[in-house]
């Protein structure tokens, strides 16, 4: 896994739902991780993504892999709007 980060092919965006100070969410939420790879055999991020996903499987994470930079958009990166 250290090779992934050393290669510079990994962009992980973790979004944590924000809560007001002192407010505790009713149910715990999973952290969303978007792994942005690329289509290159030199540092094959598509090969490493399943390894990282398996390593995080026991943790409270939802893991998504993409090689398309267009997936870095408001729809994928904006935190969910809390229900009031």
PDB file of N, CA and C in Angstrom:
ATOM      1  N   UNK A   1       0.816  -1.189   0.000  1.00  0.00           N
ATOM      2  CA  UNK A   1       0.000   0.000   0.000  1.00  0.00           C
ATOM      3  C   UNK A   1       0.865   1.260   0.000  1.00  0.00           C
ATOM      4  N   UNK A   2       2.034   1.210   0.633  1.00  0.00           N
ATOM      5  CA  UNK A   2       2.885   2.394   0.645  1.00  0.00           C
ATOM      6  C   UNK A   2       3.347   2.753  -0.754  1.00  0.00           C
ATOM      7  N   UNK A   3       3.390   1.778  -1.653  1.00  0.00           N
ATOM      8  CA  UNK A   3       3.798   2.048  -3.025  1.00  0.00           C
ATOM      9  C   UNK A   3       2.777   2.909  -3.749  1.00  0.00           C
ATOM     10  N   UNK A   4       1.513   2.740  -3.391  1.00  0.00           N
ATOM     11  CA  UNK A   4       0.467   3.533  -4.042  1.00  0.00           C
ATOM     12  C   UNK A   4       0.703   5.007  -3.748  1.00  0.00           C
ATOM     13  N   UNK A   5       0.891   5.321  -2.488  1.00  0.00           N
ATOM     14  CA  UNK A   5       1.081   6.722  -2.126  1.00  0.00           C
ATOM     15  C   UNK A   5       2.403   7.253  -2.668  1.00  0.00           C
ATOM     16  N   UNK A   6       3.439   6.450  -2.643  1.00  0.00           N
ATOM     17  CA  UNK A   6       4.734   6.888  -3.146  1.00  0.00           C
ATOM     18  C   UNK A   6       4.660   7.190  -4.633  1.00  0.00           C
ATOM     19  N   UNK A   7       3.838   6.478  -5.347  1.00  0.00           N
ATOM     20  CA  UNK A   7       3.725   6.674  -6.794  1.00  0.00           C
ATOM     21  C   UNK A   7       2.969   7.952  -7.135  1.00  0.00           C
ATOM     22  N   UNK A   8       2.253   8.489  -6.193  1.00  0.00           N
ATOM     23  CA  UNK A   8       1.516   9.725  -6.437  1.00  0.00           C
ATOM     24  C   UNK A   8       0.295   9.526  -7.307  1.00  0.00           C
ATOM     25  N   UNK A   9      -0.200   8.294  -7.373  1.00  0.00           N
ATOM     26  CA  UNK A   9      -1.351   8.031  -8.230  1.00  0.00           C
ATOM     27  C   UNK A   9      -2.648   7.964  -7.448  1.00  0.00           C
ATOM     28  N   UNK A  10      -2.568   8.283  -6.194  1.00  0.00           N
ATOM     29  CA  UNK A  10      -3.728   8.109  -5.330  1.00  0.00           C
ATOM     30  C   UNK A  10      -4.244   9.454  -4.868  1.00  0.00           C
ATOM     31  N   UNK A  11      -5.510   9.671  -5.083  1.00  0.00           N
ATOM     32  CA  UNK A  11      -6.162  10.838  -4.517  1.00  0.00           C
ATOM     33  C   UNK A  11      -7.351  10.320  -3.746  1.00  0.00           C
ATOM     34  N   UNK A  12      -7.319  10.506  -2.469  1.00  0.00           N
ATOM     35  CA  UNK A  12      -8.413  10.038  -1.635  1.00  0.00           C
ATOM     36  C   UNK A  12      -9.103  11.255  -1.075  1.00  0.00           C
ATOM     37  N   UNK A  13     -10.379  11.291  -1.258  1.00  0.00           N
ATOM     38  CA  UNK A  13     -11.168  12.369  -0.709  1.00  0.00           C
ATOM     39  C   UNK A  13     -12.110  11.746   0.309  1.00  0.00           C
ATOM     40  N   UNK A  14     -11.899  12.076   1.551  1.00  0.00           N
ATOM     41  CA  UNK A  14     -12.747  11.554   2.616  1.00  0.00           C
ATOM     42  C   UNK A  14     -13.655  12.673   3.080  1.00  0.00           C
ATOM     43  N   UNK A  15     -14.926  12.404   3.060  1.00  0.00           N
ATOM     44  CA  UNK A  15     -15.896  13.399   3.474  1.00  0.00           C
ATOM     45  C   UNK A  15     -16.533  12.961   4.792  1.00  0.00           C
ATOM     46  N   UNK A  16     -16.398  13.780   5.769  1.00  0.00           N
ATOM     47  CA  UNK A  16     -17.011  13.497   7.067  1.00  0.00           C
ATOM     48  C   UNK A  16     -18.195  14.425   7.227  1.00  0.00           C
ATOM     49  N   UNK A  17     -19.331  13.878   7.582  1.00  0.00           N
ATOM     50  CA  UNK A  17     -20.490  14.755   7.755  1.00  0.00           C
ATOM     51  C   UNK A  17     -20.249  15.716   8.916  1.00  0.00           C
ATOM     52  N   UNK A  18     -20.465  16.978   8.657  1.00  0.00           N
ATOM     53  CA  UNK A  18     -20.278  17.987   9.694  1.00  0.00           C
ATOM     54  C   UNK A  18     -21.504  18.053  10.578  1.00  0.00           C
ATOM     55  N   UNK A  19     -21.269  18.203  11.862  1.00  0.00           N
ATOM     56  CA  UNK A  19     -22.376  18.374  12.794  1.00  0.00           C
ATOM     57  C   UNK A  19     -22.126  19.651  13.573  1.00  0.00           C
ATOM     58  N   UNK A  20     -23.188  20.231  14.060  1.00  0.00           N
ATOM     59  CA  UNK A  20     -23.052  21.429  14.876  1.00  0.00           C
ATOM     60  C   UNK A  20     -22.310  21.072  16.151  1.00  0.00           C
ATOM     61  N   UNK A  21     -21.608  22.027  16.698  1.00  0.00           N
ATOM     62  CA  UNK A  21     -20.825  21.789  17.904  1.00  0.00           C
ATOM     63  C   UNK A  21     -21.735  21.276  19.016  1.00  0.00           C
ATOM     64  N   UNK A  22     -21.341  20.164  19.583  1.00  0.00           N
ATOM     65  CA  UNK A  22     -22.113  19.574  20.673  1.00  0.00           C
ATOM     66  C   UNK A  22     -23.246  18.673  20.205  1.00  0.00           C
ATOM     67  N   UNK A  23     -23.501  18.643  18.923  1.00  0.00           N
ATOM     68  CA  UNK A  23     -24.582  17.813  18.399  1.00  0.00           C
ATOM     69  C   UNK A  23     -24.034  16.444  18.045  1.00  0.00           C
ATOM     70  N   UNK A  24     -24.703  15.405  18.499  1.00  0.00           N
ATOM     71  CA  UNK A  24     -24.294  14.040  18.213  1.00  0.00           C
ATOM     72  C   UNK A  24     -25.275  13.455  17.210  1.00  0.00           C
ATOM     73  N   UNK A  25     -24.778  12.913  16.105  1.00  0.00           N
ATOM     74  CA  UNK A  25     -25.694  12.324  15.127  1.00  0.00           C
ATOM     75  C   UNK A  25     -26.466  11.150  15.735  1.00  0.00           C
ATOM     76  N   UNK A  26     -27.697  10.979  15.289  1.00  0.00           N
ATOM     77  CA  UNK A  26     -28.548   9.908  15.811  1.00  0.00           C
ATOM     78  C   UNK A  26     -27.955   8.538  15.505  1.00  0.00           C
ATOM     79  N   UNK A  27     -27.412   8.372  14.320  1.00  0.00           N
ATOM     80  CA  UNK A  27     -26.778   7.106  13.958  1.00  0.00           C
ATOM     81  C   UNK A  27     -25.402   7.398  13.374  1.00  0.00           C
ATOM     82  N   UNK A  28     -24.436   6.562  13.676  1.00  0.00           N
ATOM     83  CA  UNK A  28     -23.103   6.777  13.095  1.00  0.00           C
ATOM     84  C   UNK A  28     -23.154   6.654  11.578  1.00  0.00           C
ATOM     85  N   UNK A  29     -22.315   7.417  10.909  1.00  0.00           N
ATOM     86  CA  UNK A  29     -22.267   7.366   9.454  1.00  0.00           C
ATOM     87  C   UNK A  29     -20.915   6.870   9.015  1.00  0.00           C
ATOM     88  N   UNK A  30     -20.882   6.267   7.852  1.00  0.00           N
ATOM     89  CA  UNK A  30     -19.619   5.818   7.274  1.00  0.00           C
ATOM     90  C   UNK A  30     -18.940   6.986   6.563  1.00  0.00           C
ATOM     91  N   UNK A  31     -17.638   6.941   6.529  1.00  0.00           N
ATOM     92  CA  UNK A  31     -16.862   7.930   5.795  1.00  0.00           C
ATOM     93  C   UNK A  31     -16.823   7.498   4.334  1.00  0.00           C
ATOM     94  N   UNK A  32     -17.056   8.442   3.458  1.00  0.00           N
ATOM     95  CA  UNK A  32     -17.037   8.176   2.020  1.00  0.00           C
ATOM     96  C   UNK A  32     -15.627   8.423   1.490  1.00  0.00           C
ATOM     97  N   UNK A  33     -15.065   7.445   0.798  1.00  0.00           N
ATOM     98  CA  UNK A  33     -13.743   7.586   0.207  1.00  0.00           C
ATOM     99  C   UNK A  33     -13.860   7.418  -1.298  1.00  0.00           C
ATOM    100  N   UNK A  34     -13.338   8.406  -2.026  1.00  0.00           N
ATOM    101  CA  UNK A  34     -13.287   8.336  -3.481  1.00  0.00           C
ATOM    102  C   UNK A  34     -11.822   8.212  -3.877  1.00  0.00           C
ATOM    103  N   UNK A  35     -11.473   7.069  -4.428  1.00  0.00           N
ATOM    104  CA  UNK A  35     -10.104   6.769  -4.850  1.00  0.00           C
ATOM    105  C   UNK A  35     -10.030   7.121  -6.332  1.00  0.00           C
ATOM    106  N   UNK A  36      -9.271   8.166  -6.657  1.00  0.00           N
ATOM    107  CA  UNK A  36      -9.107   8.576  -8.048  1.00  0.00           C
ATOM    108  C   UNK A  36      -7.815   7.996  -8.579  1.00  0.00           C
ATOM    109  N   UNK A  37      -7.950   7.058  -9.486  1.00  0.00           N
ATOM    110  CA  UNK A  37      -6.789   6.438 -10.107  1.00  0.00           C
ATOM    111  C   UNK A  37      -6.589   6.998 -11.500  1.00  0.00           C
ATOM    112  N   UNK A  38      -5.919   6.228 -12.327  1.00  0.00           N
ATOM    113  CA  UNK A  38      -5.712   6.631 -13.716  1.00  0.00           C
ATOM    114  C   UNK A  38      -5.539   5.374 -14.558  1.00  0.00           C
ATOM    115  N   UNK A  39      -5.639   5.539 -15.848  1.00  0.00           N
ATOM    116  CA  UNK A  39      -5.538   4.417 -16.783  1.00  0.00           C
ATOM    117  C   UNK A  39      -4.113   4.307 -17.316  1.00  0.00           C
ATOM    118  N   UNK A  40      -3.234   3.787 -16.500  1.00  0.00           N
ATOM    119  CA  UNK A  40      -1.840   3.628 -16.891  1.00  0.00           C
ATOM    120  C   UNK A  40      -1.307   2.337 -16.291  1.00  0.00           C
ATOM    121  N   UNK A  41      -0.637   1.523 -17.082  1.00  0.00           N
ATOM    122  CA  UNK A  41      -0.091   0.279 -16.531  1.00  0.00           C
ATOM    123  C   UNK A  41       1.153   0.499 -15.671  1.00  0.00           C
ATOM    124  N   UNK A  42       1.762   1.691 -15.762  1.00  0.00           N
ATOM    125  CA  UNK A  42       2.999   1.954 -15.016  1.00  0.00           C
ATOM    126  C   UNK A  42       2.771   1.870 -13.499  1.00  0.00           C
ATOM    127  N   UNK A  43       1.782   2.563 -13.005  1.00  0.00           N
ATOM    128  CA  UNK A  43       1.351   2.469 -11.606  1.00  0.00           C
ATOM    129  C   UNK A  43      -0.137   2.145 -11.668  1.00  0.00           C
ATOM    130  N   UNK A  44      -0.435   0.892 -11.747  1.00  0.00           N
ATOM    131  CA  UNK A  44      -1.791   0.428 -12.027  1.00  0.00           C
ATOM    132  C   UNK A  44      -2.705   0.602 -10.816  1.00  0.00           C
ATOM    133  N   UNK A  45      -3.358   1.757 -10.742  1.00  0.00           N
ATOM    134  CA  UNK A  45      -4.227   2.042  -9.599  1.00  0.00           C
ATOM    135  C   UNK A  45      -5.449   1.120  -9.572  1.00  0.00           C
ATOM    136  N   UNK A  46      -5.908   0.674 -10.735  1.00  0.00           N
ATOM    137  CA  UNK A  46      -7.044  -0.256 -10.761  1.00  0.00           C
ATOM    138  C   UNK A  46      -6.675  -1.580 -10.097  1.00  0.00           C
ATOM    139  N   UNK A  47      -5.407  -1.939 -10.135  1.00  0.00           N
ATOM    140  CA  UNK A  47      -4.935  -3.159  -9.482  1.00  0.00           C
ATOM    141  C   UNK A  47      -4.884  -2.980  -7.962  1.00  0.00           C
ATOM    142  N   UNK A  48      -4.492  -1.786  -7.508  1.00  0.00           N
ATOM    143  CA  UNK A  48      -4.337  -1.544  -6.077  1.00  0.00           C
ATOM    144  C   UNK A  48      -5.646  -1.180  -5.379  1.00  0.00           C
ATOM    145  N   UNK A  49      -6.613  -0.662  -6.109  1.00  0.00           N
ATOM    146  CA  UNK A  49      -7.873  -0.247  -5.501  1.00  0.00           C
ATOM    147  C   UNK A  49      -8.558  -1.389  -4.743  1.00  0.00           C
ATOM    148  N   UNK A  50      -8.676  -2.594  -5.315  1.00  0.00           N
ATOM    149  CA  UNK A  50      -9.313  -3.676  -4.555  1.00  0.00           C
ATOM    150  C   UNK A  50      -8.534  -4.042  -3.285  1.00  0.00           C
ATOM    151  N   UNK A  51      -7.209  -3.921  -3.338  1.00  0.00           N
ATOM    152  CA  UNK A  51      -6.404  -4.214  -2.145  1.00  0.00           C
ATOM    153  C   UNK A  51      -6.701  -3.215  -1.032  1.00  0.00           C
ATOM    154  N   UNK A  52      -6.784  -1.950  -1.410  1.00  0.00           N
ATOM    155  CA  UNK A  52      -7.095  -0.921  -0.426  1.00  0.00           C
ATOM    156  C   UNK A  52      -8.512  -1.091   0.102  1.00  0.00           C
ATOM    157  N   UNK A  53      -9.441  -1.394  -0.789  1.00  0.00           N
ATOM    158  CA  UNK A  53     -10.823  -1.605  -0.367  1.00  0.00           C
ATOM    159  C   UNK A  53     -10.915  -2.767   0.618  1.00  0.00           C
ATOM    160  N   UNK A  54     -10.211  -3.862   0.342  1.00  0.00           N
ATOM    161  CA  UNK A  54     -10.206  -5.009   1.254  1.00  0.00           C
ATOM    162  C   UNK A  54      -9.588  -4.650   2.598  1.00  0.00           C
ATOM    163  N   UNK A  55      -8.521  -3.845   2.579  1.00  0.00           N
ATOM    164  CA  UNK A  55      -7.866  -3.446   3.827  1.00  0.00           C
ATOM    165  C   UNK A  55      -8.774  -2.572   4.687  1.00  0.00           C
ATOM    166  N   UNK A  56      -9.671  -1.837   4.050  1.00  0.00           N
ATOM    167  CA  UNK A  56     -10.584  -0.950   4.777  1.00  0.00           C
ATOM    168  C   UNK A  56     -11.937  -1.593   5.075  1.00  0.00           C
ATOM    169  N   UNK A  57     -12.123  -2.819   4.649  1.00  0.00           N
ATOM    170  CA  UNK A  57     -13.432  -3.469   4.756  1.00  0.00           C
ATOM    171  C   UNK A  57     -13.957  -3.538   6.193  1.00  0.00           C
ATOM    172  N   UNK A  58     -13.073  -3.682   7.157  1.00  0.00           N
ATOM    173  CA  UNK A  58     -13.532  -3.806   8.543  1.00  0.00           C
ATOM    174  C   UNK A  58     -13.778  -2.444   9.199  1.00  0.00           C
ATOM    175  N   UNK A  59     -13.465  -1.384   8.495  1.00  0.00           N
ATOM    176  CA  UNK A  59     -13.630  -0.030   9.022  1.00  0.00           C
ATOM    177  C   UNK A  59     -14.928   0.586   8.498  1.00  0.00           C
ATOM    178  N   UNK A  60     -15.392   1.657   9.133  1.00  0.00           N
ATOM    179  CA  UNK A  60     -16.656   2.276   8.699  1.00  0.00           C
ATOM    180  C   UNK A  60     -16.470   3.199   7.490  1.00  0.00           C
ATOM    181  N   UNK A  61     -16.077   2.599   6.353  1.00  0.00           N
ATOM    182  CA  UNK A  61     -15.843   3.366   5.132  1.00  0.00           C
ATOM    183  C   UNK A  61     -16.679   2.815   3.986  1.00  0.00           C
ATOM    184  N   UNK A  62     -17.186   3.714   3.156  1.00  0.00           N
ATOM    185  CA  UNK A  62     -17.725   3.349   1.848  1.00  0.00           C
ATOM    186  C   UNK A  62     -16.657   3.753   0.854  1.00  0.00           C
ATOM    187  N   UNK A  63     -16.222   2.818   0.035  1.00  0.00           N
ATOM    188  CA  UNK A  63     -15.073   3.015  -0.846  1.00  0.00           C
ATOM    189  C   UNK A  63     -15.522   2.955  -2.295  1.00  0.00           C
ATOM    190  N   UNK A  64     -15.150   3.966  -3.075  1.00  0.00           N
ATOM    191  CA  UNK A  64     -15.488   4.012  -4.496  1.00  0.00           C
ATOM    192  C   UNK A  64     -14.218   4.300  -5.285  1.00  0.00           C
ATOM    193  N   UNK A  65     -14.019   3.565  -6.360  1.00  0.00           N
ATOM    194  CA  UNK A  65     -12.867   3.770  -7.249  1.00  0.00           C
ATOM    195  C   UNK A  65     -13.339   4.375  -8.559  1.00  0.00           C
ATOM    196  N   UNK A  66     -12.566   5.305  -9.081  1.00  0.00           N
ATOM    197  CA  UNK A  66     -12.813   5.849 -10.410  1.00  0.00           C
ATOM    198  C   UNK A  66     -11.486   6.246 -11.035  1.00  0.00           C
ATOM    199  N   UNK A  67     -11.423   6.196 -12.343  1.00  0.00           N
ATOM    200  CA  UNK A  67     -10.266   6.679 -13.082  1.00  0.00           C
ATOM    201  C   UNK A  67     -10.636   7.924 -13.882  1.00  0.00           C
ATOM    202  N   UNK A  68     -11.836   8.417 -13.686  1.00  0.00           N
ATOM    203  CA  UNK A  68     -12.327   9.566 -14.439  1.00  0.00           C
ATOM    204  C   UNK A  68     -12.303  10.822 -13.570  1.00  0.00           C
ATOM    205  N   UNK A  69     -11.429  11.773 -13.863  1.00  0.00           N
ATOM    206  CA  UNK A  69     -11.377  13.005 -13.068  1.00  0.00           C
ATOM    207  C   UNK A  69     -12.690  13.783 -13.060  1.00  0.00           C
ATOM    208  N   UNK A  70     -13.541  13.541 -14.045  1.00  0.00           N
ATOM    209  CA  UNK A  70     -14.843  14.217 -14.068  1.00  0.00           C
ATOM    210  C   UNK A  70     -15.730  13.789 -12.901  1.00  0.00           C
ATOM    211  N   UNK A  71     -15.359  12.687 -12.242  1.00  0.00           N
ATOM    212  CA  UNK A  71     -16.125  12.248 -11.070  1.00  0.00           C
ATOM    213  C   UNK A  71     -15.837  13.104  -9.837  1.00  0.00           C
ATOM    214  N   UNK A  72     -14.858  13.989  -9.943  1.00  0.00           N
ATOM    215  CA  UNK A  72     -14.602  14.957  -8.865  1.00  0.00           C
ATOM    216  C   UNK A  72     -15.513  16.150  -9.100  1.00  0.00           C
ATOM    217  N   UNK A  73     -16.761  15.999  -8.734  1.00  0.00           N
ATOM    218  CA  UNK A  73     -17.755  17.036  -8.976  1.00  0.00           C
ATOM    219  C   UNK A  73     -18.619  17.221  -7.726  1.00  0.00           C
ATOM    220  N   UNK A  74     -19.448  18.231  -7.757  1.00  0.00           N
ATOM    221  CA  UNK A  74     -20.285  18.535  -6.591  1.00  0.00           C
ATOM    222  C   UNK A  74     -21.193  17.382  -6.195  1.00  0.00           C
ATOM    223  N   UNK A  75     -21.711  16.671  -7.179  1.00  0.00           N
ATOM    224  CA  UNK A  75     -22.622  15.567  -6.868  1.00  0.00           C
ATOM    225  C   UNK A  75     -21.922  14.467  -6.078  1.00  0.00           C
ATOM    226  N   UNK A  76     -20.653  14.215  -6.375  1.00  0.00           N
ATOM    227  CA  UNK A  76     -19.908  13.164  -5.686  1.00  0.00           C
ATOM    228  C   UNK A  76     -19.179  13.646  -4.440  1.00  0.00           C
ATOM    229  N   UNK A  77     -18.864  14.930  -4.374  1.00  0.00           N
ATOM    230  CA  UNK A  77     -18.018  15.418  -3.290  1.00  0.00           C
ATOM    231  C   UNK A  77     -18.743  16.247  -2.231  1.00  0.00           C
ATOM    232  N   UNK A  78     -19.922  16.739  -2.563  1.00  0.00           N
ATOM    233  CA  UNK A  78     -20.651  17.560  -1.603  1.00  0.00           C
ATOM    234  C   UNK A  78     -21.168  16.685  -0.463  1.00  0.00           C
ATOM    235  N   UNK A  79     -21.026  17.162   0.767  1.00  0.00           N
ATOM    236  CA  UNK A  79     -21.568  16.383   1.879  1.00  0.00           C
ATOM    237  C   UNK A  79     -23.094  16.360   1.802  1.00  0.00           C
ATOM    238  N   UNK A  80     -23.694  15.285   2.290  1.00  0.00           N
ATOM    239  CA  UNK A  80     -25.156  15.218   2.252  1.00  0.00           C
ATOM    240  C   UNK A  80     -25.769  16.303   3.133  1.00  0.00           C
ATOM    241  N   UNK A  81     -26.900  16.764   2.728  1.00  0.00           N
ATOM    242  CA  UNK A  81     -27.621  17.778   3.509  1.00  0.00           C
ATOM    243  C   UNK A  81     -28.348  17.078   4.647  1.00  0.00           C
ATOM    244  N   UNK A  82     -28.055  17.454   5.877  1.00  0.00           N
ATOM    245  CA  UNK A  82     -28.696  16.773   7.011  1.00  0.00           C
ATOM    246  C   UNK A  82     -30.194  17.071   7.064  1.00  0.00           C
ATOM    247  N   UNK A  83     -30.958  16.078   7.478  1.00  0.00           N
ATOM    248  CA  UNK A  83     -32.398  16.258   7.648  1.00  0.00           C
ATOM    249  C   UNK A  83     -32.636  17.024   8.947  1.00  0.00           C
ATOM    250  N   UNK A  84     -33.578  17.934   8.888  1.00  0.00           N
ATOM    251  CA  UNK A  84     -33.877  18.717  10.102  1.00  0.00           C
ATOM    252  C   UNK A  84     -35.205  18.351  10.681  1.00  0.00           C
TER     253      UNK A  84
END
